[in-house]
Amino acid sequence: MNPDFEKLRQAIDADTVADLGTDTLTAIKATFQKGTDAYTENLNRLQQAAVPVRILGRHKQLVAAIETTLKLVRPC
């Protein structure tokens, strides 16, 4: 996802997003959708994982961080 992010970030900074074209923007959107779907799948796995008590706190922090990230990147 990073190469697409960098391309989009540069276009935003240069105010040239419209110059990217529909095909490029559609490809970037697909890449980000695939990435967020993978994050969601990993989050579901983490939420269902059996965790030893000694690392339960760190596990909860990791799950919370991923949930926060997904809330930021998902469209409203």
Foldseek 3Di string as FASTA:
>chain_A
DVVLVVVCVVCVVVVNPVVCDDVSVVVSVVVVVVVLVVLVVVLVVLVPDDDDPVCVVVSVVVSVVSVVVSVVPDDD
